[in-house]
Amino acid sequence: MPPRAPAAAKPAAQPAEPARNTASTLTSNAPAAAPQSAAVKDKAVAATTVASAEKPPAAPVQEPLPPSVARNIIAVQQSLASRDLSAARRHMRDLLYANQPRSPEIQQLAAELSRQERARDSAIANARSCSANKEPACAMRNARRAVSLDPRNAQAQAALRHALVVQNEANTEYFEQASVVPRPVSPR
């Protein structure tokens, strides 16, 4: 083993600077050299800890969406605004197949689309049930609601046509019964 070189002489120690207490400078206007008690220092540290704990955590920065995803989001929004649920569903499928992380905006659009589809399907089912029970007013009300929710939906259109047939049959039946009733005799 080779001999070690002698250690370099260390310079003489310089006098240490007094430690600065940042908590004391934050809480008082007194000079830094003024002695403070331990209780005052603890309060200052607690105050800075509480102040830092009250700050809300920074929101995670989201990466910008790819242009195709942004276009599909806009297309879904426009389809929902124009009450074209089938086109909105088609664009939503494109969003979901893109394997993008589900952003809150996409989740909100999917929830809104599902809500509108459920409302339409419920109105169609109610219109069919009312038609089967020969309740023309109920059938018309629900069929019109289904068409107003999704005007381009073939099932909603068919439910409205069927409700019109049921209403026409009810009107015909009513007028046939009314024609059988004898006219009142008028006193002379």
N, C-alpha and C. Protein backbone atom coordinates (compact mmCIF):
# COMPACT_ATOMS: atom_id res chain seq x y z
N MET A 1 0.83 -1.16 0.00
CA MET A 1 0.00 0.00 0.00
C MET A 1 0.88 1.24 0.00
N PRO A 2 0.62 2.18 -0.87
CA PRO A 2 1.46 3.38 -0.91
C PRO A 2 1.21 4.25 0.31
N PRO A 3 2.23 4.96 0.73
CA PRO A 3 2.06 5.82 1.90
C PRO A 3 1.10 6.96 1.58
N ARG A 4 0.39 7.35 2.59
CA ARG A 4 -0.58 8.43 2.44
C ARG A 4 0.11 9.79 2.47
N ALA A 5 -0.47 10.68 1.71
CA ALA A 5 0.05 12.03 1.73
C ALA A 5 -0.43 12.71 3.00
N PRO A 6 0.41 13.57 3.56
CA PRO A 6 -0.03 14.25 4.78
C PRO A 6 -1.26 15.10 4.49
N ALA A 7 -2.15 15.14 5.45
CA ALA A 7 -3.38 15.91 5.31
C ALA A 7 -3.06 17.38 5.23
N ALA A 8 -3.78 18.06 4.39
CA ALA A 8 -3.57 19.49 4.24
C ALA A 8 -4.03 20.17 5.51
N ALA A 9 -3.32 21.18 5.83
CA ALA A 9 -3.66 21.91 7.05
C ALA A 9 -4.98 22.63 6.84
N LYS A 10 -5.84 22.46 7.81
CA LYS A 10 -7.13 23.13 7.74
C LYS A 10 -6.96 24.55 8.22
N PRO A 11 -7.67 25.46 7.57
CA PRO A 11 -7.57 26.84 8.05
C PRO A 11 -8.17 26.95 9.44
N ALA A 12 -7.74 27.93 10.12
CA ALA A 12 -8.24 28.14 11.48
C ALA A 12 -9.73 28.41 11.41
N ALA A 13 -10.44 27.90 12.37
CA ALA A 13 -11.89 28.06 12.40
C ALA A 13 -12.24 29.53 12.58
N GLN A 14 -13.17 29.94 11.80
CA GLN A 14 -13.62 31.32 11.91
C GLN A 14 -14.73 31.37 12.95
N PRO A 15 -14.93 32.50 13.54
CA PRO A 15 -16.01 32.58 14.52
C PRO A 15 -17.36 32.32 13.82
N ALA A 16 -18.18 31.55 14.45
CA ALA A 16 -19.47 31.19 13.88
C ALA A 16 -20.42 32.37 13.92
N GLU A 17 -21.21 32.49 12.87
CA GLU A 17 -22.20 33.55 12.84
C GLU A 17 -23.36 33.14 13.73
N PRO A 18 -23.97 34.10 14.37
CA PRO A 18 -25.11 33.73 15.19
C PRO A 18 -26.22 33.16 14.30
N ALA A 19 -26.88 32.12 14.77
CA ALA A 19 -27.96 31.49 14.00
C ALA A 19 -29.13 32.44 13.93
N ARG A 20 -29.72 32.54 12.76
CA ARG A 20 -30.85 33.44 12.57
C ARG A 20 -32.13 32.66 12.80
N ASN A 21 -32.98 33.18 13.58
CA ASN A 21 -34.26 32.54 13.87
C ASN A 21 -35.30 33.19 12.96
N THR A 22 -35.68 32.50 11.91
CA THR A 22 -36.63 33.08 10.94
C THR A 22 -38.00 33.23 11.56
N ALA A 23 -38.36 32.35 12.48
CA ALA A 23 -39.68 32.45 13.11
C ALA A 23 -39.78 33.73 13.92
N SER A 24 -38.68 34.09 14.58
CA SER A 24 -38.74 35.30 15.40
C SER A 24 -38.80 36.54 14.53
N THR A 25 -38.18 36.51 13.36
CA THR A 25 -38.23 37.69 12.50
C THR A 25 -39.59 37.81 11.83
N LEU A 26 -40.30 36.71 11.68
CA LEU A 26 -41.63 36.77 11.07
C LEU A 26 -42.68 37.29 12.04
N THR A 27 -42.52 36.98 13.34
CA THR A 27 -43.58 37.28 14.29
C THR A 27 -43.38 38.57 15.05
N SER A 28 -42.20 39.10 15.07
CA SER A 28 -42.00 40.32 15.86
C SER A 28 -41.23 41.34 15.05
N ASN A 29 -41.38 42.58 15.47
CA ASN A 29 -40.63 43.65 14.84
C ASN A 29 -39.39 43.99 15.65
N ALA A 30 -39.13 43.22 16.69
CA ALA A 30 -37.98 43.46 17.54
C ALA A 30 -36.71 43.05 16.79
N PRO A 31 -35.57 43.58 17.17
CA PRO A 31 -34.33 43.18 16.52
C PRO A 31 -34.08 41.70 16.72
N ALA A 32 -33.38 41.09 15.78
CA ALA A 32 -33.13 39.66 15.81
C ALA A 32 -32.28 39.26 17.00
N ALA A 33 -31.51 40.15 17.54
CA ALA A 33 -30.63 39.81 18.64
C ALA A 33 -31.38 39.71 19.96
N ALA A 34 -32.64 40.21 20.01
CA ALA A 34 -33.40 40.18 21.26
C ALA A 34 -33.74 38.74 21.62
N PRO A 35 -33.47 38.33 22.83
CA PRO A 35 -33.77 36.96 23.22
C PRO A 35 -35.28 36.77 23.35
N GLN A 36 -35.75 35.58 22.98
CA GLN A 36 -37.16 35.25 23.09
C GLN A 36 -37.29 33.98 23.87
N SER A 37 -38.43 33.86 24.49
CA SER A 37 -38.66 32.65 25.27
C SER A 37 -39.02 31.50 24.35
N ALA A 38 -38.97 30.29 24.86
CA ALA A 38 -39.28 29.09 24.08
C ALA A 38 -40.75 29.06 23.70
N ALA A 39 -41.63 29.59 24.54
CA ALA A 39 -43.07 29.59 24.26
C ALA A 39 -43.38 30.47 23.06
N VAL A 40 -42.74 31.61 22.97
CA VAL A 40 -42.95 32.52 21.84
C VAL A 40 -42.46 31.85 20.56
N LYS A 41 -41.33 31.18 20.61
CA LYS A 41 -40.80 30.49 19.44
C LYS A 41 -41.74 29.37 18.99
N ASP A 42 -42.29 28.63 19.95
CA ASP A 42 -43.22 27.54 19.61
C ASP A 42 -44.47 28.09 18.94
N LYS A 43 -44.99 29.23 19.42
CA LYS A 43 -46.18 29.85 18.82
C LYS A 43 -45.88 30.27 17.38
N ALA A 44 -44.71 30.81 17.16
CA ALA A 44 -44.33 31.27 15.83
C ALA A 44 -44.22 30.09 14.88
N VAL A 45 -43.63 29.01 15.32
CA VAL A 45 -43.50 27.82 14.48
C VAL A 45 -44.88 27.24 14.20
N ALA A 46 -45.75 27.21 15.22
CA ALA A 46 -47.10 26.69 15.04
C ALA A 46 -47.88 27.56 14.06
N ALA A 47 -47.69 28.88 14.13
CA ALA A 47 -48.41 29.78 13.22
C ALA A 47 -47.98 29.54 11.78
N THR A 48 -46.69 29.36 11.55
CA THR A 48 -46.24 29.12 10.18
C THR A 48 -46.69 27.75 9.70
N THR A 49 -46.76 26.76 10.59
CA THR A 49 -47.23 25.43 10.21
C THR A 49 -48.70 25.47 9.85
N VAL A 50 -49.52 26.18 10.63
CA VAL A 50 -50.96 26.29 10.36
C VAL A 50 -51.17 27.03 9.05
N ALA A 51 -50.42 28.08 8.82
CA ALA A 51 -50.58 28.86 7.59
C ALA A 51 -50.25 28.01 6.37
N SER A 52 -49.23 27.17 6.48
CA SER A 52 -48.88 26.34 5.33
C SER A 52 -49.88 25.20 5.17
N ALA A 53 -50.52 24.75 6.27
CA ALA A 53 -51.50 23.67 6.17
C ALA A 53 -52.81 24.16 5.58
N GLU A 54 -53.13 25.45 5.70
CA GLU A 54 -54.39 25.98 5.19
C GLU A 54 -54.38 26.14 3.67
N LYS A 55 -53.24 26.20 3.06
CA LYS A 55 -53.17 26.37 1.61
C LYS A 55 -53.68 25.10 0.95
N PRO A 56 -54.58 25.24 -0.04
CA PRO A 56 -55.05 24.03 -0.73
C PRO A 56 -53.93 23.46 -1.59
N PRO A 57 -53.90 22.15 -1.73
CA PRO A 57 -52.85 21.56 -2.57
C PRO A 57 -53.03 22.01 -4.01
N ALA A 58 -51.94 22.13 -4.68
CA ALA A 58 -51.97 22.57 -6.07
C ALA A 58 -52.68 21.51 -6.91
N ALA A 59 -53.55 21.97 -7.80
CA ALA A 59 -54.27 21.05 -8.68
C ALA A 59 -53.29 20.41 -9.65
N PRO A 60 -53.46 19.13 -9.92
CA PRO A 60 -52.55 18.50 -10.87
C PRO A 60 -52.73 19.11 -12.25
N VAL A 61 -51.64 19.34 -12.89
CA VAL A 61 -51.66 19.94 -14.22
C VAL A 61 -52.04 18.85 -15.22
N GLN A 62 -53.11 19.12 -15.96
CA GLN A 62 -53.54 18.15 -16.95
C GLN A 62 -52.87 18.48 -18.28
N GLU A 63 -52.51 17.41 -18.96
CA GLU A 63 -51.93 17.59 -20.27
C GLU A 63 -53.03 18.00 -21.23
N PRO A 64 -52.72 18.81 -22.22
CA PRO A 64 -53.74 19.19 -23.19
C PRO A 64 -54.21 17.95 -23.96
N LEU A 65 -55.49 17.96 -24.29
CA LEU A 65 -56.06 16.82 -25.01
C LEU A 65 -55.59 16.83 -26.47
N PRO A 66 -55.42 15.65 -27.05
CA PRO A 66 -55.08 15.60 -28.47
C PRO A 66 -56.19 16.25 -29.30
N PRO A 67 -55.87 16.77 -30.46
CA PRO A 67 -56.88 17.46 -31.26
C PRO A 67 -58.08 16.59 -31.61
N SER A 68 -57.87 15.31 -31.88
CA SER A 68 -59.01 14.45 -32.25
C SER A 68 -59.96 14.28 -31.07
N VAL A 69 -59.43 14.18 -29.86
CA VAL A 69 -60.27 14.06 -28.68
C VAL A 69 -61.04 15.36 -28.45
N ALA A 70 -60.37 16.49 -28.60
CA ALA A 70 -61.03 17.79 -28.43
C ALA A 70 -62.15 17.96 -29.45
N ARG A 71 -61.92 17.52 -30.69
CA ARG A 71 -62.97 17.62 -31.72
C ARG A 71 -64.16 16.74 -31.35
N ASN A 72 -63.90 15.53 -30.84
CA ASN A 72 -65.00 14.65 -30.45
C ASN A 72 -65.78 15.21 -29.27
N ILE A 73 -65.09 15.85 -28.33
CA ILE A 73 -65.80 16.47 -27.20
C ILE A 73 -66.72 17.57 -27.70
N ILE A 74 -66.23 18.39 -28.60
CA ILE A 74 -67.06 19.46 -29.17
C ILE A 74 -68.22 18.86 -29.95
N ALA A 75 -67.98 17.79 -30.68
CA ALA A 75 -69.05 17.15 -31.45
C ALA A 75 -70.13 16.58 -30.53
N VAL A 76 -69.73 15.99 -29.41
CA VAL A 76 -70.71 15.47 -28.45
C VAL A 76 -71.53 16.62 -27.88
N GLN A 77 -70.87 17.71 -27.52
CA GLN A 77 -71.58 18.86 -26.96
C GLN A 77 -72.58 19.44 -27.97
N GLN A 78 -72.17 19.55 -29.23
CA GLN A 78 -73.07 20.08 -30.25
C GLN A 78 -74.24 19.14 -30.50
N SER A 79 -73.97 17.83 -30.49
CA SER A 79 -75.05 16.86 -30.71
C SER A 79 -76.05 16.90 -29.57
N LEU A 80 -75.57 17.04 -28.35
CA LEU A 80 -76.48 17.15 -27.22
C LEU A 80 -77.30 18.43 -27.30
N ALA A 81 -76.67 19.52 -27.74
CA ALA A 81 -77.39 20.79 -27.86
C ALA A 81 -78.46 20.73 -28.94
N SER A 82 -78.20 19.98 -30.00
CA SER A 82 -79.18 19.87 -31.09
C SER A 82 -80.13 18.68 -30.89
N ARG A 83 -80.04 18.03 -29.72
CA ARG A 83 -80.91 16.90 -29.35
C ARG A 83 -80.80 15.73 -30.31
N ASP A 84 -79.60 15.45 -30.78
CA ASP A 84 -79.34 14.29 -31.63
C ASP A 84 -78.54 13.29 -30.81
N LEU A 85 -79.27 12.46 -30.06
CA LEU A 85 -78.61 11.56 -29.12
C LEU A 85 -77.84 10.44 -29.82
N SER A 86 -78.29 10.02 -30.99
CA SER A 86 -77.55 8.95 -31.69
C SER A 86 -76.20 9.46 -32.17
N ALA A 87 -76.13 10.67 -32.67
CA ALA A 87 -74.84 11.24 -33.08
C ALA A 87 -73.95 11.48 -31.86
N ALA A 88 -74.55 11.93 -30.77
CA ALA A 88 -73.77 12.14 -29.54
C ALA A 88 -73.19 10.82 -29.06
N ARG A 89 -73.97 9.74 -29.12
CA ARG A 89 -73.49 8.43 -28.69
C ARG A 89 -72.35 7.96 -29.60
N ARG A 90 -72.47 8.20 -30.91
CA ARG A 90 -71.42 7.80 -31.85
C ARG A 90 -70.11 8.52 -31.53
N HIS A 91 -70.18 9.82 -31.29
CA HIS A 91 -68.97 10.58 -30.96
C HIS A 91 -68.42 10.16 -29.60
N MET A 92 -69.31 9.82 -28.67
CA MET A 92 -68.86 9.37 -27.35
C MET A 92 -68.12 8.05 -27.47
N ARG A 93 -68.58 7.16 -28.34
CA ARG A 93 -67.87 5.89 -28.57
C ARG A 93 -66.46 6.16 -29.09
N ASP A 94 -66.34 7.13 -30.00
CA ASP A 94 -65.02 7.48 -30.51
C ASP A 94 -64.11 7.97 -29.37
N LEU A 95 -64.67 8.73 -28.44
CA LEU A 95 -63.89 9.20 -27.30
C LEU A 95 -63.46 8.03 -26.42
N LEU A 96 -64.36 7.11 -26.18
CA LEU A 96 -64.06 6.00 -25.28
C LEU A 96 -63.10 5.01 -25.93
N TYR A 97 -63.18 4.84 -27.25
CA TYR A 97 -62.27 3.93 -27.93
C TYR A 97 -60.88 4.52 -28.10
N ALA A 98 -60.72 5.81 -27.90
CA ALA A 98 -59.42 6.45 -28.06
C ALA A 98 -58.46 6.09 -26.92
N ASN A 99 -58.97 5.38 -25.91
CA ASN A 99 -58.16 4.95 -24.76
C ASN A 99 -57.48 6.13 -24.07
N GLN A 100 -58.16 7.25 -24.06
CA GLN A 100 -57.65 8.42 -23.36
C GLN A 100 -58.00 8.30 -21.89
N PRO A 101 -57.18 8.85 -21.01
CA PRO A 101 -57.58 8.86 -19.61
C PRO A 101 -58.89 9.64 -19.47
N ARG A 102 -59.78 9.12 -18.70
CA ARG A 102 -61.10 9.73 -18.58
C ARG A 102 -61.00 11.05 -17.83
N SER A 103 -61.14 12.12 -18.56
CA SER A 103 -61.11 13.43 -17.93
C SER A 103 -62.47 13.69 -17.30
N PRO A 104 -62.55 14.60 -16.34
CA PRO A 104 -63.85 14.92 -15.74
C PRO A 104 -64.85 15.43 -16.76
N GLU A 105 -64.37 16.14 -17.76
CA GLU A 105 -65.26 16.67 -18.79
C GLU A 105 -65.89 15.53 -19.60
N ILE A 106 -65.10 14.53 -19.95
CA ILE A 106 -65.62 13.39 -20.70
C ILE A 106 -66.60 12.61 -19.84
N GLN A 107 -66.28 12.43 -18.58
CA GLN A 107 -67.18 11.71 -17.68
C GLN A 107 -68.50 12.45 -17.52
N GLN A 108 -68.46 13.77 -17.43
CA GLN A 108 -69.67 14.57 -17.30
C GLN A 108 -70.51 14.48 -18.57
N LEU A 109 -69.88 14.52 -19.73
CA LEU A 109 -70.61 14.39 -20.99
C LEU A 109 -71.26 13.01 -21.10
N ALA A 110 -70.54 11.97 -20.71
CA ALA A 110 -71.09 10.61 -20.76
C ALA A 110 -72.28 10.47 -19.83
N ALA A 111 -72.19 11.07 -18.65
CA ALA A 111 -73.30 11.01 -17.70
C ALA A 111 -74.53 11.75 -18.23
N GLU A 112 -74.31 12.91 -18.83
CA GLU A 112 -75.43 13.69 -19.38
C GLU A 112 -76.08 12.94 -20.54
N LEU A 113 -75.28 12.35 -21.40
CA LEU A 113 -75.81 11.59 -22.52
C LEU A 113 -76.63 10.40 -22.02
N SER A 114 -76.10 9.68 -21.05
CA SER A 114 -76.82 8.53 -20.50
C SER A 114 -78.13 8.96 -19.85
N ARG A 115 -78.11 10.09 -19.15
CA ARG A 115 -79.34 10.59 -18.51
C ARG A 115 -80.42 10.91 -19.55
N GLN A 116 -80.02 11.56 -20.64
CA GLN A 116 -80.99 11.91 -21.68
C GLN A 116 -81.51 10.66 -22.39
N GLU A 117 -80.64 9.69 -22.61
CA GLU A 117 -81.07 8.44 -23.25
C GLU A 117 -82.05 7.68 -22.36
N ARG A 118 -81.77 7.64 -21.06
CA ARG A 118 -82.69 6.96 -20.13
C ARG A 118 -84.05 7.65 -20.11
N ALA A 119 -84.05 8.98 -20.12
CA ALA A 119 -85.32 9.73 -20.12
C ALA A 119 -86.11 9.44 -21.39
N ARG A 120 -85.43 9.41 -22.53
CA ARG A 120 -86.10 9.10 -23.80
C ARG A 120 -86.66 7.69 -23.79
N ASP A 121 -85.85 6.73 -23.36
CA ASP A 121 -86.29 5.33 -23.34
C ASP A 121 -87.45 5.13 -22.37
N SER A 122 -87.43 5.83 -21.26
CA SER A 122 -88.53 5.74 -20.30
C SER A 122 -89.81 6.30 -20.90
N ALA A 123 -89.71 7.41 -21.60
CA ALA A 123 -90.89 8.01 -22.24
C ALA A 123 -91.44 7.09 -23.32
N ILE A 124 -90.59 6.44 -24.09
CA ILE A 124 -91.04 5.51 -25.13
C ILE A 124 -91.76 4.33 -24.48
N ALA A 125 -91.18 3.78 -23.41
CA ALA A 125 -91.80 2.64 -22.73
C ALA A 125 -93.15 3.03 -22.13
N ASN A 126 -93.24 4.22 -21.55
CA ASN A 126 -94.52 4.67 -20.99
C ASN A 126 -95.55 4.88 -22.08
N ALA A 127 -95.13 5.41 -23.22
CA ALA A 127 -96.07 5.61 -24.33
C ALA A 127 -96.60 4.28 -24.83
N ARG A 128 -95.74 3.28 -24.95
CA ARG A 128 -96.19 1.96 -25.39
C ARG A 128 -97.14 1.33 -24.38
N SER A 129 -96.83 1.49 -23.11
CA SER A 129 -97.70 0.94 -22.07
C SER A 129 -99.07 1.60 -22.09
N CYS A 130 -99.08 2.91 -22.24
CA CYS A 130 -100.36 3.62 -22.29
C CYS A 130 -101.15 3.25 -23.55
N SER A 131 -100.46 3.05 -24.64
CA SER A 131 -101.14 2.64 -25.88
C SER A 131 -101.78 1.27 -25.70
N ALA A 132 -101.06 0.35 -25.05
CA ALA A 132 -101.60 -0.99 -24.82
C ALA A 132 -102.81 -0.95 -23.89
N ASN A 133 -102.84 0.00 -22.97
CA ASN A 133 -103.96 0.13 -22.04
C ASN A 133 -105.07 1.01 -22.59
N LYS A 134 -104.97 1.42 -23.84
CA LYS A 134 -105.96 2.28 -24.51
C LYS A 134 -106.18 3.59 -23.75
N GLU A 135 -105.07 4.22 -23.38
CA GLU A 135 -105.10 5.52 -22.72
C GLU A 135 -104.46 6.53 -23.67
N PRO A 136 -105.25 7.12 -24.57
CA PRO A 136 -104.65 7.96 -25.62
C PRO A 136 -103.96 9.22 -25.10
N ALA A 137 -104.49 9.86 -24.07
CA ALA A 137 -103.86 11.09 -23.57
C ALA A 137 -102.48 10.79 -22.99
N CYS A 138 -102.39 9.71 -22.22
CA CYS A 138 -101.10 9.31 -21.64
C CYS A 138 -100.11 8.91 -22.74
N ALA A 139 -100.58 8.17 -23.72
CA ALA A 139 -99.72 7.72 -24.82
C ALA A 139 -99.18 8.92 -25.60
N MET A 140 -100.05 9.88 -25.90
CA MET A 140 -99.61 11.07 -26.65
C MET A 140 -98.61 11.89 -25.85
N ARG A 141 -98.89 12.08 -24.57
CA ARG A 141 -98.00 12.88 -23.72
C ARG A 141 -96.59 12.28 -23.69
N ASN A 142 -96.51 10.98 -23.46
CA ASN A 142 -95.20 10.33 -23.37
C ASN A 142 -94.50 10.22 -24.72
N ALA A 143 -95.27 9.99 -25.79
CA ALA A 143 -94.66 9.91 -27.11
C ALA A 143 -94.12 11.27 -27.54
N ARG A 144 -94.85 12.32 -27.24
CA ARG A 144 -94.36 13.67 -27.56
C ARG A 144 -93.11 14.01 -26.76
N ARG A 145 -93.10 13.57 -25.52
CA ARG A 145 -91.91 13.81 -24.68
C ARG A 145 -90.70 13.07 -25.26
N ALA A 146 -90.90 11.82 -25.70
CA ALA A 146 -89.80 11.05 -26.29
C ALA A 146 -89.27 11.72 -27.55
N VAL A 147 -90.18 12.21 -28.38
CA VAL A 147 -89.78 12.88 -29.62
C VAL A 147 -89.08 14.20 -29.31
N SER A 148 -89.54 14.90 -28.28
CA SER A 148 -88.88 16.17 -27.94
C SER A 148 -87.47 15.93 -27.40
N LEU A 149 -87.26 14.80 -26.73
CA LEU A 149 -85.92 14.49 -26.21
C LEU A 149 -84.96 14.05 -27.31
N ASP A 150 -85.49 13.33 -28.33
CA ASP A 150 -84.65 12.84 -29.42
C ASP A 150 -85.48 12.79 -30.69
N PRO A 151 -85.59 13.91 -31.40
CA PRO A 151 -86.47 13.98 -32.58
C PRO A 151 -86.09 13.04 -33.71
N ARG A 152 -84.83 12.64 -33.81
CA ARG A 152 -84.41 11.79 -34.93
C ARG A 152 -84.46 10.31 -34.61
N ASN A 153 -84.90 9.95 -33.42
CA ASN A 153 -84.94 8.55 -33.01
C ASN A 153 -86.13 7.85 -33.65
N ALA A 154 -85.87 6.73 -34.33
CA ALA A 154 -86.93 6.01 -35.04
C ALA A 154 -87.95 5.41 -34.07
N GLN A 155 -87.51 4.94 -32.92
CA GLN A 155 -88.44 4.36 -31.95
C GLN A 155 -89.37 5.43 -31.38
N ALA A 156 -88.84 6.60 -31.12
CA ALA A 156 -89.68 7.69 -30.62
C ALA A 156 -90.71 8.10 -31.66
N GLN A 157 -90.28 8.15 -32.93
CA GLN A 157 -91.22 8.49 -34.01
C GLN A 157 -92.31 7.42 -34.14
N ALA A 158 -91.92 6.15 -34.04
CA ALA A 158 -92.89 5.06 -34.13
C ALA A 158 -93.87 5.10 -32.96
N ALA A 159 -93.37 5.42 -31.76
CA ALA A 159 -94.25 5.51 -30.58
C ALA A 159 -95.26 6.65 -30.77
N LEU A 160 -94.83 7.75 -31.37
CA LEU A 160 -95.75 8.87 -31.63
C LEU A 160 -96.80 8.48 -32.66
N ARG A 161 -96.38 7.80 -33.73
CA ARG A 161 -97.36 7.36 -34.74
C ARG A 161 -98.37 6.41 -34.12
N HIS A 162 -97.89 5.47 -33.29
CA HIS A 162 -98.80 4.52 -32.67
C HIS A 162 -99.75 5.23 -31.69
N ALA A 163 -99.25 6.22 -30.96
CA ALA A 163 -100.10 6.99 -30.05
C ALA A 163 -101.17 7.75 -30.83
N LEU A 164 -100.83 8.25 -32.01
CA LEU A 164 -101.82 8.93 -32.85
C LEU A 164 -102.90 7.96 -33.31
N VAL A 165 -102.50 6.73 -33.64
CA VAL A 165 -103.47 5.71 -34.04
C VAL A 165 -104.41 5.40 -32.88
N VAL A 166 -103.84 5.24 -31.69
CA VAL A 166 -104.67 4.95 -30.50
C VAL A 166 -105.62 6.11 -30.23
N GLN A 167 -105.16 7.33 -30.37
CA GLN A 167 -106.03 8.48 -30.14
C GLN A 167 -107.13 8.54 -31.20
N ASN A 168 -106.78 8.24 -32.45
CA ASN A 168 -107.78 8.25 -33.52
C ASN A 168 -108.84 7.19 -33.26
N GLU A 169 -108.43 5.99 -32.82
CA GLU A 169 -109.39 4.93 -32.51
C GLU A 169 -110.30 5.34 -31.36
N ALA A 170 -109.73 5.97 -30.34
CA ALA A 170 -110.54 6.41 -29.20
C ALA A 170 -111.54 7.48 -29.63
N ASN A 171 -111.11 8.39 -30.50
CA ASN A 171 -112.03 9.43 -30.98
C ASN A 171 -113.14 8.83 -31.82
N THR A 172 -112.80 7.87 -32.69
CA THR A 172 -113.80 7.23 -33.54
C THR A 172 -114.82 6.49 -32.67
N GLU A 173 -114.34 5.77 -31.68
CA GLU A 173 -115.22 5.04 -30.77
C GLU A 173 -116.14 6.00 -30.02
N TYR A 174 -115.60 7.10 -29.59
CA TYR A 174 -116.40 8.08 -28.85
C TYR A 174 -117.51 8.65 -29.75
N PHE A 175 -117.18 9.01 -30.98
CA PHE A 175 -118.19 9.61 -31.85
C PHE A 175 -119.22 8.59 -32.31
N GLU A 176 -118.82 7.32 -32.43
CA GLU A 176 -119.79 6.28 -32.76
C GLU A 176 -120.79 6.12 -31.63
N GLN A 177 -120.29 6.13 -30.40
CA GLN A 177 -121.19 6.02 -29.26
C GLN A 177 -122.08 7.26 -29.16
N ALA A 178 -121.54 8.40 -29.47
CA ALA A 178 -122.31 9.64 -29.39
C ALA A 178 -123.41 9.68 -30.46
N SER A 179 -123.19 9.04 -31.61
CA SER A 179 -124.19 9.07 -32.67
C SER A 179 -125.35 8.13 -32.37
N VAL A 180 -125.16 7.16 -31.50
CA VAL A 180 -126.20 6.21 -31.15
C VAL A 180 -127.16 6.82 -30.14
N VAL A 181 -126.73 7.74 -29.36
CA VAL A 181 -127.57 8.36 -28.34
C VAL A 181 -128.67 9.15 -29.05
N PRO A 182 -129.92 8.92 -28.65
CA PRO A 182 -131.00 9.67 -29.31
C PRO A 182 -130.92 11.16 -28.95
N ARG A 183 -131.40 11.92 -29.87
CA ARG A 183 -131.41 13.36 -29.66
C ARG A 183 -132.45 13.70 -28.60
N PRO A 184 -132.14 14.66 -27.82
CA PRO A 184 -133.14 15.05 -26.81
C PRO A 184 -134.38 15.63 -27.48
N VAL A 185 -135.48 15.34 -26.89
CA VAL A 185 -136.74 15.86 -27.41
C VAL A 185 -136.91 17.27 -26.88
N SER A 186 -137.16 18.16 -27.79
CA SER A 186 -137.34 19.55 -27.37
C SER A 186 -138.83 19.81 -27.14
N PRO A 187 -139.20 20.43 -26.07
CA PRO A 187 -140.61 20.73 -25.80
C PRO A 187 -141.09 21.82 -26.76
N ARG A 188 -142.34 21.65 -27.23
CA ARG A 188 -142.91 22.65 -28.14
C ARG A 188 -143.95 23.43 -27.50
